[in-house]
C-alpha atoms as a PDB file:
ATOM      1  CA  UNK A   1     -11.278  23.799  15.522  1.00  0.00           C
ATOM      2  CA  UNK A   2     -12.738  21.920  12.383  1.00  0.00           C
ATOM      3  CA  UNK A   3     -14.907  18.642  12.982  1.00  0.00           C
ATOM      4  CA  UNK A   4     -13.034  15.544  11.265  1.00  0.00           C
ATOM      5  CA  UNK A   5     -14.794  14.788   7.544  1.00  0.00           C
ATOM      6  CA  UNK A   6     -16.796  11.622   7.627  1.00  0.00           C
ATOM      7  CA  UNK A   7     -14.935   8.543   6.394  1.00  0.00           C
ATOM      8  CA  UNK A   8     -17.276   7.384   4.305  1.00  0.00           C
ATOM      9  CA  UNK A   9     -17.157  10.553   2.218  1.00  0.00           C
ATOM     10  CA  UNK A  10     -13.435  10.725   2.565  1.00  0.00           C
ATOM     11  CA  UNK A  11     -13.368   7.400   0.879  1.00  0.00           C
ATOM     12  CA  UNK A  12     -15.290   8.444  -1.312  1.00  0.00           C
ATOM     13  CA  UNK A  13     -13.414  11.459  -2.862  1.00  0.00           C
ATOM     14  CA  UNK A  14     -10.492   9.183  -2.722  1.00  0.00           C
ATOM     15  CA  UNK A  15     -12.354   6.871  -5.289  1.00  0.00           C
ATOM     16  CA  UNK A  16     -13.894   9.324  -7.387  1.00  0.00           C
ATOM     17  CA  UNK A  17     -11.262  12.014  -7.950  1.00  0.00           C
ATOM     18  CA  UNK A  18      -8.688  11.371 -10.390  1.00  0.00           C
ATOM     19  CA  UNK A  19      -6.069  13.776  -9.242  1.00  0.00           C
ATOM     20  CA  UNK A  20      -3.848  12.976  -6.352  1.00  0.00           C
ATOM     21  CA  UNK A  21      -5.828  13.621  -3.140  1.00  0.00           C
ATOM     22  CA  UNK A  22      -4.119  14.184   0.504  1.00  0.00           C
ATOM     23  CA  UNK A  23      -6.107  13.228   3.757  1.00  0.00           C
ATOM     24  CA  UNK A  24      -4.576  16.256   5.913  1.00  0.00           C
ATOM     25  CA  UNK A  25      -5.137  17.040   9.588  1.00  0.00           C
ATOM     26  CA  UNK A  26      -6.058  14.930  12.666  1.00  0.00           C
ATOM     27  CA  UNK A  27      -3.939  12.186  11.816  1.00  0.00           C
ATOM     28  CA  UNK A  28      -1.856  10.458  14.056  1.00  0.00           C
ATOM     29  CA  UNK A  29      -0.480   6.965  14.824  1.00  0.00           C
ATOM     30  CA  UNK A  30      -4.041   5.695  15.669  1.00  0.00           C
ATOM     31  CA  UNK A  31      -5.890   6.825  12.612  1.00  0.00           C
ATOM     32  CA  UNK A  32      -3.271   6.106   9.810  1.00  0.00           C
ATOM     33  CA  UNK A  33      -4.449   2.372   9.791  1.00  0.00           C
ATOM     34  CA  UNK A  34      -8.232   3.259   9.606  1.00  0.00           C
ATOM     35  CA  UNK A  35      -7.310   5.561   6.774  1.00  0.00           C
ATOM     36  CA  UNK A  36      -5.323   2.756   5.045  1.00  0.00           C
ATOM     37  CA  UNK A  37      -8.080   0.176   5.278  1.00  0.00           C
ATOM     38  CA  UNK A  38     -10.424   2.876   3.693  1.00  0.00           C
ATOM     39  CA  UNK A  39      -7.691   2.848   0.704  1.00  0.00           C
ATOM     40  CA  UNK A  40      -6.374   5.806   1.479  1.00  0.00           C
ATOM     41  CA  UNK A  41      -2.942   5.962   0.601  1.00  0.00           C
ATOM     42  CA  UNK A  42      -1.917   9.751   0.638  1.00  0.00           C
ATOM     43  CA  UNK A  43      -1.632  11.485   4.350  1.00  0.00           C
ATOM     44  CA  UNK A  44       0.011  14.674   5.553  1.00  0.00           C
ATOM     45  CA  UNK A  45       1.017  14.937   8.890  1.00  0.00           C
ATOM     46  CA  UNK A  46       1.956  18.135  11.160  1.00  0.00           C
ATOM     47  CA  UNK A  47       0.366  18.164  14.552  1.00  0.00           C
ATOM     48  CA  UNK A  48       1.385  15.052  15.870  1.00  0.00           C
ATOM     49  CA  UNK A  49       4.982  15.377  14.558  1.00  0.00           C
ATOM     50  CA  UNK A  50       5.240  18.629  15.557  1.00  0.00           C
ATOM     51  CA  UNK A  51       3.851  18.734  19.384  1.00  0.00           C
ATOM     52  CA  UNK A  52       5.772  15.598  20.148  1.00  0.00           C
ATOM     53  CA  UNK A  53       7.952  15.321  22.887  1.00  0.00           C
ATOM     54  CA  UNK A  54      10.701  14.189  20.208  1.00  0.00           C
ATOM     55  CA  UNK A  55       9.517  15.760  16.635  1.00  0.00           C
ATOM     56  CA  UNK A  56      12.588  13.566  15.258  1.00  0.00           C
ATOM     57  CA  UNK A  57      11.316  10.300  16.444  1.00  0.00           C
ATOM     58  CA  UNK A  58       8.139  11.126  15.490  1.00  0.00           C
ATOM     59  CA  UNK A  59       8.699  11.500  12.326  1.00  0.00           C
ATOM     60  CA  UNK A  60      10.778   8.375  12.058  1.00  0.00           C
ATOM     61  CA  UNK A  61       7.986   6.574  13.451  1.00  0.00           C
ATOM     62  CA  UNK A  62       5.322   7.524  10.651  1.00  0.00           C
ATOM     63  CA  UNK A  63       7.913   6.531   8.297  1.00  0.00           C
ATOM     64  CA  UNK A  64       8.520   2.823  10.102  1.00  0.00           C
ATOM     65  CA  UNK A  65       4.337   2.942  10.141  1.00  0.00           C
ATOM     66  CA  UNK A  66       3.984   3.728   6.813  1.00  0.00           C
ATOM     67  CA  UNK A  67       6.941   1.659   5.449  1.00  0.00           C
ATOM     68  CA  UNK A  68       5.529  -1.234   7.211  1.00  0.00           C
ATOM     69  CA  UNK A  69       1.781  -0.919   4.995  1.00  0.00           C
ATOM     70  CA  UNK A  70       3.380  -0.564   1.606  1.00  0.00           C
ATOM     71  CA  UNK A  71       1.310  -2.688  -0.521  1.00  0.00           C
END
């Protein structure tokens, strides 16, 4: 288990790095909005989908959630 990266540091990385950067690890429905509010547009989700009771619906849920946040 690894502790989450500090959101301020993650935000700095996203604004300073010129190549595509993805937030990965520990991302779920509850913290996606926080990441988006920090300007983080690229995420990778695994555990929240793979460990869901209904994997297909969990994936659809993320698609709906992220689709509703488009700029």
